[in-house]
Protein backbone atom coordinates (compact mmCIF):
# COMPACT_ATOMS: atom_id res chain seq x y z
CA MET A 1 195.81 118.78 -99.09
CA SER A 2 193.71 115.63 -98.94
CA ALA A 3 195.10 112.35 -97.70
CA SER A 4 194.85 110.81 -101.16
CA ALA A 5 196.66 113.77 -102.72
CA GLY A 6 199.38 113.60 -100.12
CA SER A 7 199.87 109.87 -100.59
CA SER A 8 200.01 110.26 -104.39
CA ILE A 9 202.77 112.83 -103.99
CA LEU A 10 204.75 110.41 -101.82
CA ARG A 11 204.33 107.46 -104.19
CA GLN A 12 207.03 108.33 -106.69
CA PRO A 13 209.52 106.36 -108.77
CA ARG A 14 213.07 106.03 -107.47
CA ALA A 15 214.37 108.47 -110.08
CA VAL A 16 212.15 111.24 -108.70
CA TRP A 17 213.44 110.82 -105.14
CA VAL A 18 217.07 110.68 -106.28
CA VAL A 19 216.74 113.94 -108.20
CA ALA A 20 214.74 115.51 -105.35
CA PHE A 21 217.58 114.68 -102.93
CA ALA A 22 220.08 116.25 -105.29
CA CYS A 23 217.80 119.31 -105.50
CA VAL A 24 217.89 119.68 -101.73
CA VAL A 25 221.69 119.72 -101.82
CA ALA A 26 221.83 122.06 -104.82
CA PHE A 27 219.37 124.54 -103.32
CA MET A 28 221.43 124.67 -100.14
CA GLY A 29 223.86 126.76 -102.16
CA ILE A 30 221.35 129.62 -102.44
CA GLY A 31 221.27 130.39 -98.72
CA LEU A 32 224.61 128.91 -97.73
CA VAL A 33 226.55 132.18 -97.92
CA ASP A 34 223.85 134.20 -96.16
CA PRO A 35 225.17 133.76 -92.59
CA ILE A 36 228.79 134.30 -93.63
CA LEU A 37 228.37 137.48 -95.71
CA PRO A 38 229.41 139.75 -92.81
CA ALA A 39 232.35 137.44 -92.02
CA ILE A 40 233.51 137.40 -95.64
CA ALA A 41 233.24 141.19 -95.79
CA HIS A 42 235.29 141.50 -92.58
CA ASP A 43 237.95 138.85 -93.24
CA LEU A 44 238.53 139.75 -96.90
CA GLY A 45 238.28 143.51 -96.45
CA ALA A 46 235.20 143.87 -98.64
CA THR A 47 232.32 146.34 -98.48
CA PRO A 48 228.76 145.01 -98.04
CA ALA A 49 228.08 145.76 -101.72
CA GLN A 50 231.12 143.70 -102.75
CA ALA A 51 230.06 140.84 -100.49
CA GLU A 52 226.59 140.92 -102.04
CA LEU A 53 228.22 140.23 -105.42
CA LEU A 54 228.58 136.63 -104.23
CA PHE A 55 224.85 136.40 -104.87
CA THR A 56 224.97 138.50 -108.03
CA SER A 57 227.66 136.52 -109.86
CA TYR A 58 225.97 133.26 -108.91
CA LEU A 59 222.48 134.35 -109.98
CA LEU A 60 223.55 136.29 -113.08
CA VAL A 61 225.46 133.34 -114.53
CA THR A 62 222.66 130.98 -113.47
CA GLY A 63 220.13 133.11 -115.31
CA LEU A 64 222.15 133.53 -118.51
CA ALA A 65 223.19 129.88 -118.60
CA MET A 66 219.54 128.83 -118.28
CA LEU A 67 219.16 129.89 -121.91
CA ILE A 68 221.36 127.00 -123.06
CA THR A 69 220.40 124.25 -120.63
CA SER A 70 217.57 122.76 -122.69
CA TRP A 71 219.88 122.72 -125.76
CA VAL A 72 222.61 120.96 -123.78
CA SER A 73 220.30 118.37 -122.22
CA SER A 74 218.69 117.61 -125.58
CA ARG A 75 222.11 116.59 -126.90
CA ILE A 76 223.80 114.81 -124.02
CA GLY A 77 220.72 113.73 -122.07
CA ALA A 78 219.22 114.76 -118.75
CA ARG A 79 221.33 112.38 -116.66
CA ALA A 80 224.64 113.62 -118.06
CA THR A 81 223.53 117.25 -117.73
CA LEU A 82 222.61 116.75 -114.08
CA LEU A 83 225.94 115.06 -113.31
CA ILE A 84 228.00 117.73 -115.08
CA GLY A 85 226.10 120.49 -113.30
CA LEU A 86 226.66 119.04 -109.84
CA SER A 87 230.31 118.27 -110.61
CA LEU A 88 230.89 121.91 -111.59
CA ILE A 89 229.37 122.99 -108.27
CA VAL A 90 231.75 120.69 -106.35
CA ALA A 91 234.76 122.12 -108.16
CA ALA A 92 233.63 125.75 -107.77
CA ALA A 93 232.83 125.36 -104.05
CA LEU A 94 236.27 123.89 -103.33
CA ALA A 95 237.98 126.60 -105.37
CA ALA A 96 236.03 129.33 -103.51
CA ALA A 97 237.13 127.85 -100.17
CA ALA A 98 240.76 128.02 -101.29
CA SER A 99 240.50 131.67 -102.42
CA GLY A 100 242.16 134.55 -100.65
CA THR A 101 240.33 137.53 -102.15
CA VAL A 102 236.69 138.49 -102.41
CA GLU A 103 237.11 138.89 -106.19
CA ALA A 104 238.20 135.25 -106.50
CA VAL A 105 235.28 134.04 -104.40
CA ILE A 106 232.90 136.07 -106.57
CA GLY A 107 234.41 134.50 -109.69
CA PHE A 108 234.11 130.96 -108.42
CA ARG A 109 230.53 131.63 -107.32
CA ALA A 110 229.92 132.45 -111.00
CA GLY A 111 231.21 128.98 -111.90
CA TRP A 112 228.92 127.60 -109.22
CA GLY A 113 226.06 129.41 -110.98
CA LEU A 114 226.86 127.68 -114.28
CA GLY A 115 226.67 124.26 -112.62
CA ASN A 116 223.51 125.33 -110.83
CA ALA A 117 221.85 126.34 -114.10
CA LEU A 118 222.62 123.03 -115.77
CA PHE A 119 221.20 121.20 -112.80
CA ILE A 120 218.12 123.21 -111.80
CA SER A 121 216.16 123.47 -115.04
CA THR A 122 217.04 119.89 -116.01
CA ALA A 123 216.03 118.64 -112.56
CA LEU A 124 212.60 120.27 -112.74
CA ALA A 125 211.93 118.81 -116.19
CA THR A 126 213.22 115.39 -115.06
CA ILE A 127 210.99 115.32 -111.98
CA ILE A 128 207.93 116.40 -113.97
CA GLY A 129 208.62 113.77 -116.63
CA ALA A 130 209.14 110.91 -114.17
CA ALA A 131 206.68 111.76 -111.38
CA SER A 132 203.35 110.08 -110.84
CA GLY A 133 200.27 112.13 -110.00
CA GLY A 134 200.71 114.80 -112.67
CA SER A 135 202.79 117.96 -112.95
CA GLY A 136 201.19 119.47 -109.84
CA SER A 137 202.56 116.72 -107.59
CA ALA A 138 205.96 116.95 -109.24
CA ILE A 139 206.16 120.72 -108.80
CA VAL A 140 205.15 120.44 -105.13
CA LEU A 141 208.00 117.95 -104.62
CA TYR A 142 210.41 120.25 -106.44
CA GLU A 143 209.39 123.27 -104.38
CA ALA A 144 209.58 121.19 -101.19
CA ALA A 145 213.15 120.28 -102.10
CA LEU A 146 213.83 123.97 -102.70
CA GLY A 147 212.40 124.87 -99.30
CA VAL A 148 214.28 122.15 -97.42
CA GLY A 149 217.51 123.06 -99.19
CA ILE A 150 217.08 126.77 -98.50
CA ALA A 151 216.31 125.97 -94.84
CA ILE A 152 219.30 123.66 -94.34
CA GLY A 153 221.72 125.86 -96.32
CA PRO A 154 221.77 128.82 -93.89
CA LEU A 155 221.85 126.47 -90.90
CA LEU A 156 224.87 124.63 -92.31
CA GLY A 157 226.44 127.91 -93.35
CA GLY A 158 225.91 129.37 -89.88
CA PHE A 159 227.34 126.50 -87.87
CA LEU A 160 230.27 125.83 -90.20
CA GLY A 161 230.82 129.55 -90.74
CA HIS A 162 231.27 129.90 -86.99
CA LEU A 163 234.51 127.96 -87.49
CA ALA A 164 235.73 129.80 -90.59
CA TRP A 165 234.09 131.43 -93.59
CA GLN A 166 235.66 128.77 -95.86
CA ALA A 167 234.09 125.84 -93.98
CA PRO A 168 230.57 126.13 -95.50
CA PHE A 169 232.05 125.94 -99.00
CA VAL A 170 233.97 122.78 -98.15
CA GLY A 171 230.88 121.26 -96.48
CA THR A 172 228.75 121.98 -99.53
CA ALA A 173 231.35 120.45 -101.84
CA VAL A 174 231.26 117.23 -99.79
CA LEU A 175 227.45 117.06 -99.89
CA MET A 176 227.41 117.83 -103.61
CA ALA A 177 229.90 115.03 -104.19
CA ILE A 178 227.55 112.66 -102.36
CA ALA A 179 224.71 113.82 -104.62
CA VAL A 180 226.88 113.17 -107.70
CA VAL A 181 227.55 109.61 -106.55
CA ALA A 182 223.85 109.06 -105.75
CA LEU A 183 222.79 110.26 -109.19
CA ALA A 184 225.47 108.24 -110.96
CA VAL A 185 224.48 105.04 -109.14
CA LEU A 186 220.71 105.36 -108.76
CA LEU A 187 219.43 107.48 -111.64
CA PRO A 188 218.63 105.29 -114.67
CA ALA A 189 220.24 106.06 -117.99
CA ASP A 190 218.17 108.11 -120.44
CA ARG A 191 215.96 105.95 -122.62
CA GLY A 192 214.40 106.53 -125.97
CA PRO A 193 215.19 109.19 -128.58
CA ARG A 194 215.86 112.73 -127.40
CA GLU A 195 214.08 115.67 -128.95
CA ARG A 196 216.90 117.89 -130.16
CA ARG A 197 216.34 121.55 -129.41
CA ARG A 198 217.72 124.68 -130.99
CA LEU A 199 219.96 127.01 -129.04
CA SER A 200 217.51 129.84 -129.73
CA ASP A 201 214.43 127.99 -128.42
CA PRO A 202 214.31 129.62 -124.94
CA ILE A 203 214.69 133.11 -126.42
CA ARG A 204 212.00 132.36 -128.98
CA ALA A 205 209.82 131.02 -126.16
CA LEU A 206 209.85 134.43 -124.50
CA ARG A 207 207.80 135.70 -127.44
CA ASN A 208 204.93 133.65 -126.03
CA PRO A 209 202.74 136.25 -124.25
CA PRO A 210 201.79 134.18 -121.15
CA LEU A 211 205.39 133.03 -120.61
CA ALA A 212 206.77 136.54 -121.15
CA LEU A 213 204.27 137.96 -118.66
CA LEU A 214 205.16 135.39 -116.01
CA ALA A 215 208.92 135.77 -116.58
CA ILE A 216 208.79 139.57 -116.16
CA THR A 217 206.52 139.15 -113.14
CA ALA A 218 209.05 136.77 -111.59
CA LEU A 219 211.90 139.19 -112.34
CA PHE A 220 210.27 141.93 -110.24
CA TYR A 221 209.16 139.44 -107.60
CA ASN A 222 212.71 138.08 -107.22
CA VAL A 223 213.93 141.56 -106.32
CA GLY A 224 211.80 141.24 -103.19
CA PHE A 225 212.85 137.64 -102.62
CA PHE A 226 216.59 138.32 -102.70
CA THR A 227 216.42 141.64 -100.87
CA LEU A 228 214.86 139.77 -97.97
CA LEU A 229 217.33 136.90 -98.24
CA ALA A 230 220.62 138.55 -99.18
CA PHE A 231 220.47 142.02 -97.63
CA SER A 232 218.89 141.21 -94.25
CA PRO A 233 222.03 139.67 -92.66
CA PHE A 234 223.64 143.12 -92.51
CA PRO A 235 220.98 145.11 -90.62
CA LEU A 236 220.24 142.13 -88.35
CA GLY A 237 223.76 142.28 -86.91
CA LEU A 238 223.76 138.68 -85.63
CA ASP A 239 226.67 136.24 -85.63
CA ALA A 240 226.89 133.37 -88.13
CA ILE A 241 224.96 130.91 -85.96
CA GLY A 242 222.23 133.45 -85.21
CA LEU A 243 221.84 134.26 -88.90
CA GLY A 244 221.80 130.56 -89.74
CA LEU A 245 218.94 129.94 -87.31
CA VAL A 246 216.92 132.91 -88.59
CA PHE A 247 217.19 131.87 -92.21
CA CYS A 248 216.62 128.23 -91.36
CA ALA A 249 213.26 129.32 -89.92
CA TRP A 250 212.69 131.37 -93.08
CA GLY A 251 213.42 128.38 -95.31
CA ALA A 252 211.28 126.05 -93.18
CA ALA A 253 208.37 128.48 -93.50
CA LEU A 254 208.91 128.55 -97.26
CA ALA A 255 208.91 124.75 -97.44
CA ILE A 256 205.71 124.40 -95.38
CA THR A 257 203.67 126.76 -97.53
CA SER A 258 205.16 125.36 -100.76
CA VAL A 259 203.98 121.85 -99.94
CA TRP A 260 200.79 122.32 -97.96
CA VAL A 261 199.38 125.82 -98.27
CA ALA A 262 199.87 126.51 -101.99
CA PRO A 263 197.85 123.42 -103.09
CA LEU A 264 195.05 124.32 -100.67
CA LEU A 265 194.84 127.84 -102.07
CA THR A 266 194.92 126.82 -105.73
CA ALA A 267 192.19 124.23 -105.05
CA ARG A 268 189.91 127.08 -104.01
CA MET A 269 191.05 130.04 -106.11
CA ARG A 270 192.42 130.70 -109.54
CA ARG A 271 196.19 130.72 -109.69
CA SER A 272 196.25 134.30 -110.95
CA THR A 273 194.18 135.35 -107.92
CA VAL A 274 196.54 133.57 -105.53
CA LEU A 275 199.52 135.28 -107.19
CA ALA A 276 197.98 138.76 -107.16
CA VAL A 277 196.88 138.60 -103.52
CA THR A 278 200.07 136.99 -102.20
CA LEU A 279 202.31 139.44 -104.05
CA GLN A 280 200.47 142.33 -102.42
CA LEU A 281 200.86 140.71 -99.00
CA LEU A 282 204.59 140.29 -99.65
CA ALA A 283 204.86 143.97 -100.56
CA LEU A 284 203.21 144.86 -97.23
CA ASP A 285 205.61 142.55 -95.41
CA LEU A 286 208.58 144.30 -97.03
CA VAL A 287 207.19 147.69 -96.06
CA ALA A 288 206.88 146.44 -92.48
CA ALA A 289 210.49 145.22 -92.64
CA GLY A 290 211.57 148.72 -93.67
CA PHE A 291 209.82 150.30 -90.70
CA LEU A 292 211.10 147.63 -88.28
CA VAL A 293 214.65 147.40 -89.63
CA GLU A 294 216.19 148.75 -86.41
CA SER A 295 214.44 146.08 -84.33
CA ALA A 296 216.08 142.67 -84.68
CA THR A 297 212.95 140.94 -83.35
CA GLY A 298 210.65 142.83 -85.71
CA LEU A 299 212.87 142.22 -88.73
CA ILE A 300 213.15 138.51 -87.91
CA ALA A 301 209.34 138.30 -87.76
CA CYS A 302 209.09 139.95 -91.19
CA ILE A 303 211.69 137.54 -92.61
CA VAL A 304 209.80 134.47 -91.39
CA VAL A 305 206.43 135.83 -92.57
CA GLY A 306 208.10 136.58 -95.89
CA GLY A 307 209.17 132.93 -96.09
CA LEU A 308 205.54 131.84 -95.70
CA LEU A 309 204.48 134.08 -98.58
CA LEU A 310 207.45 133.20 -100.78
CA GLY A 311 206.66 129.49 -100.51
CA VAL A 312 203.18 130.07 -101.93
CA LEU A 313 204.50 132.30 -104.70
CA ASN A 314 207.29 129.93 -105.77
CA THR A 315 204.97 126.96 -106.14
CA VAL A 316 202.10 128.78 -107.82
CA LEU A 317 204.36 130.68 -110.22
CA THR A 318 206.10 127.48 -111.29
CA GLU A 319 202.78 125.66 -111.77
CA THR A 320 201.41 128.58 -113.76
CA VAL A 321 204.46 128.69 -116.03
CA MET A 322 204.29 124.96 -116.74
CA ASP A 323 200.56 125.00 -117.51
CA SER A 324 200.17 128.31 -119.33
CA THR A 325 201.55 127.30 -122.74
CA ASP A 326 202.05 124.37 -125.11
CA LEU A 327 205.81 124.89 -125.07
CA PRO A 328 208.03 121.92 -124.18
CA ARG A 329 208.58 122.04 -120.45
CA PRO A 330 212.40 122.12 -120.56
CA VAL A 331 212.24 125.12 -122.90
CA ALA A 332 209.61 126.93 -120.81
CA SER A 333 211.59 126.23 -117.64
CA SER A 334 214.84 127.53 -119.14
CA ALA A 335 213.29 130.70 -120.54
CA TYR A 336 211.34 131.55 -117.39
CA SER A 337 214.19 130.76 -115.01
CA SER A 338 216.66 132.80 -117.04
CA VAL A 339 214.64 136.00 -116.70
CA ARG A 340 213.63 135.53 -113.07
CA PHE A 341 217.20 134.95 -111.89
CA LEU A 342 218.25 138.27 -113.43
CA GLY A 343 215.98 140.02 -110.91
CA GLY A 344 217.65 138.09 -108.13
CA ALA A 345 221.09 139.04 -109.44
CA ALA A 346 220.33 142.75 -109.39
CA ALA A 347 218.72 142.90 -105.97
CA PRO A 348 221.59 142.23 -103.47
CA PRO A 349 224.14 144.85 -104.60
CA LEU A 350 221.37 147.35 -105.33
CA ALA A 351 220.02 146.89 -101.80
CA ALA A 352 223.49 147.37 -100.30
CA LEU A 353 224.10 150.54 -102.31
CA LEU A 354 220.68 151.98 -101.39
CA ALA A 355 221.39 151.25 -97.73
CA GLU A 356 224.76 152.98 -97.94
CA ILE A 357 223.25 156.05 -99.59
CA ALA A 358 219.88 156.39 -97.87
CA GLY A 359 219.66 154.01 -94.90
CA ASP A 360 218.81 150.39 -94.15
CA ASP A 361 215.06 150.91 -94.53
CA VAL A 362 215.15 152.08 -98.14
CA PRO A 363 216.08 148.70 -99.74
CA TYR A 364 212.95 147.14 -98.26
CA PHE A 365 210.73 149.95 -99.51
CA ALA A 366 212.28 149.66 -102.99
CA ALA A 367 211.76 145.89 -102.94
CA ALA A 368 208.12 146.41 -101.93
CA GLY A 369 207.65 148.67 -104.94
CA SER A 370 209.15 146.03 -107.22
CA VAL A 371 206.85 143.35 -105.83
CA LEU A 372 203.84 145.65 -106.32
CA ILE A 373 204.82 146.00 -109.99
CA ALA A 374 204.74 142.19 -110.19
CA ALA A 375 201.23 142.18 -108.67
CA VAL A 376 200.03 144.80 -111.18
CA LEU A 377 201.43 142.75 -114.06
CA VAL A 378 199.50 139.67 -112.93
CA ILE A 379 196.27 141.62 -112.50
CA ALA A 380 196.62 143.46 -115.82
CA GLY A 381 197.61 140.31 -117.71
CA ARG A 382 195.12 137.93 -116.16
CA ARG A 383 193.44 137.22 -119.49
CA LEU A 384 196.73 135.68 -120.68
CA LEU A 385 196.62 133.17 -117.82
CA VAL A 386 193.21 131.61 -118.46
CA ARG A 387 194.78 128.32 -119.47
CA ALA A 388 196.81 128.05 -116.27
CA ASP A 389 193.74 129.18 -114.32
CA GLY A 390 191.81 126.22 -115.73
CA VAL A 391 189.17 128.40 -117.37
CA GLU A 392 189.77 127.77 -121.07
CA ALA A 393 186.68 127.87 -123.23
CA THR A 394 186.10 124.12 -123.32
CA PRO A 395 183.28 122.17 -121.65
CA GLU A 396 185.74 120.49 -119.29
CA ALA A 397 187.41 123.74 -118.35
CA GLU A 398 184.07 125.50 -117.91
CA ALA A 399 182.95 122.78 -115.53
CA GLU A 400 186.17 123.15 -113.57
CA ALA A 401 185.73 126.91 -113.47
CA VAL A 402 182.34 126.48 -111.80
CA VAL A 403 183.89 124.36 -109.05
CA VAL A 404 187.29 126.02 -108.67
CA GLY A 405 187.60 129.29 -110.53
CA ASP A 406 184.45 130.98 -109.26
CA ALA A 407 185.82 130.79 -105.74
CA ALA A 408 188.06 133.64 -106.75
């Protein structure tokens, strides 16, 4: 990234930084439970598959609720939607901490997912709408917040989880409450008329061929993402602090490539090329994780390398979604996010069941196959992504293709 590009990303209105901070806190919830999954399974008498449902209930409700977020925000405004979403997370996190059964924790994680859905898609649209430097700079900031949050979440979960499995939930509730106050005080009220959206808009949006292709691609890709994130704590066999440090390194790697490497790659290659190549590399990394699953050092290396690849994929997929259609960005974000989170919801319990039936290596091989399907979809559907690739049949796009696209 050039110095001028980097400085333009940093020169943002106050509203962008406030929402980005809240994003960091919200995304901490994704990896927060990672280091305490074995402890929850032990203390609450749950199987690994039951413990993995903490991810499934959270991601399933997040994905389904994404279908209504643009409708909600178009009626009550982005600011109110963000505040309600974070407030729901605070309440759900505290309730989960006070629970005495794994079923109750799973249920309250579902409520957490509802708040997360209201916040995430609205936050992305808010940052893109308010940021200076174009949608690319906004998406890099959003993905950086995701990476930082995912990195801090396991670290916080590991150190607090060393005290008790409930402590990370209480800690997250406190941080979320701070984010609520920051948004309420610093985020300006919505101005101007709101474009009212229909409840069916995100479902209708999935009829758009480029968006449908990218959503299905992300569904299969997220199987790899959440197998690496949610299943790996069990074969690693580390304590809460050890797991927190491992997944902090994973999240830091994700943040670094989201912010710095992804823009460098897309400046030199078409986005579809970056996606196809990186997805294949991720599949290879997952295969390596399957072969090295009995070596803690080898599996940790695969997890961190996976973080590097996931950072590129997250940023480039999001950019491609936002630039591939004429759909309103809140609608496109809701539709895409809904489908991709369903892949993440299925992966953790499926990985645990496969491990129980066939061994700890099999979930990684299955995840690699899923990621390869995602790569094939991108390659086969590349003609649908010409707009996001910057090679539309216009003089301006043709000129850009000479400079950028032909590098692919």
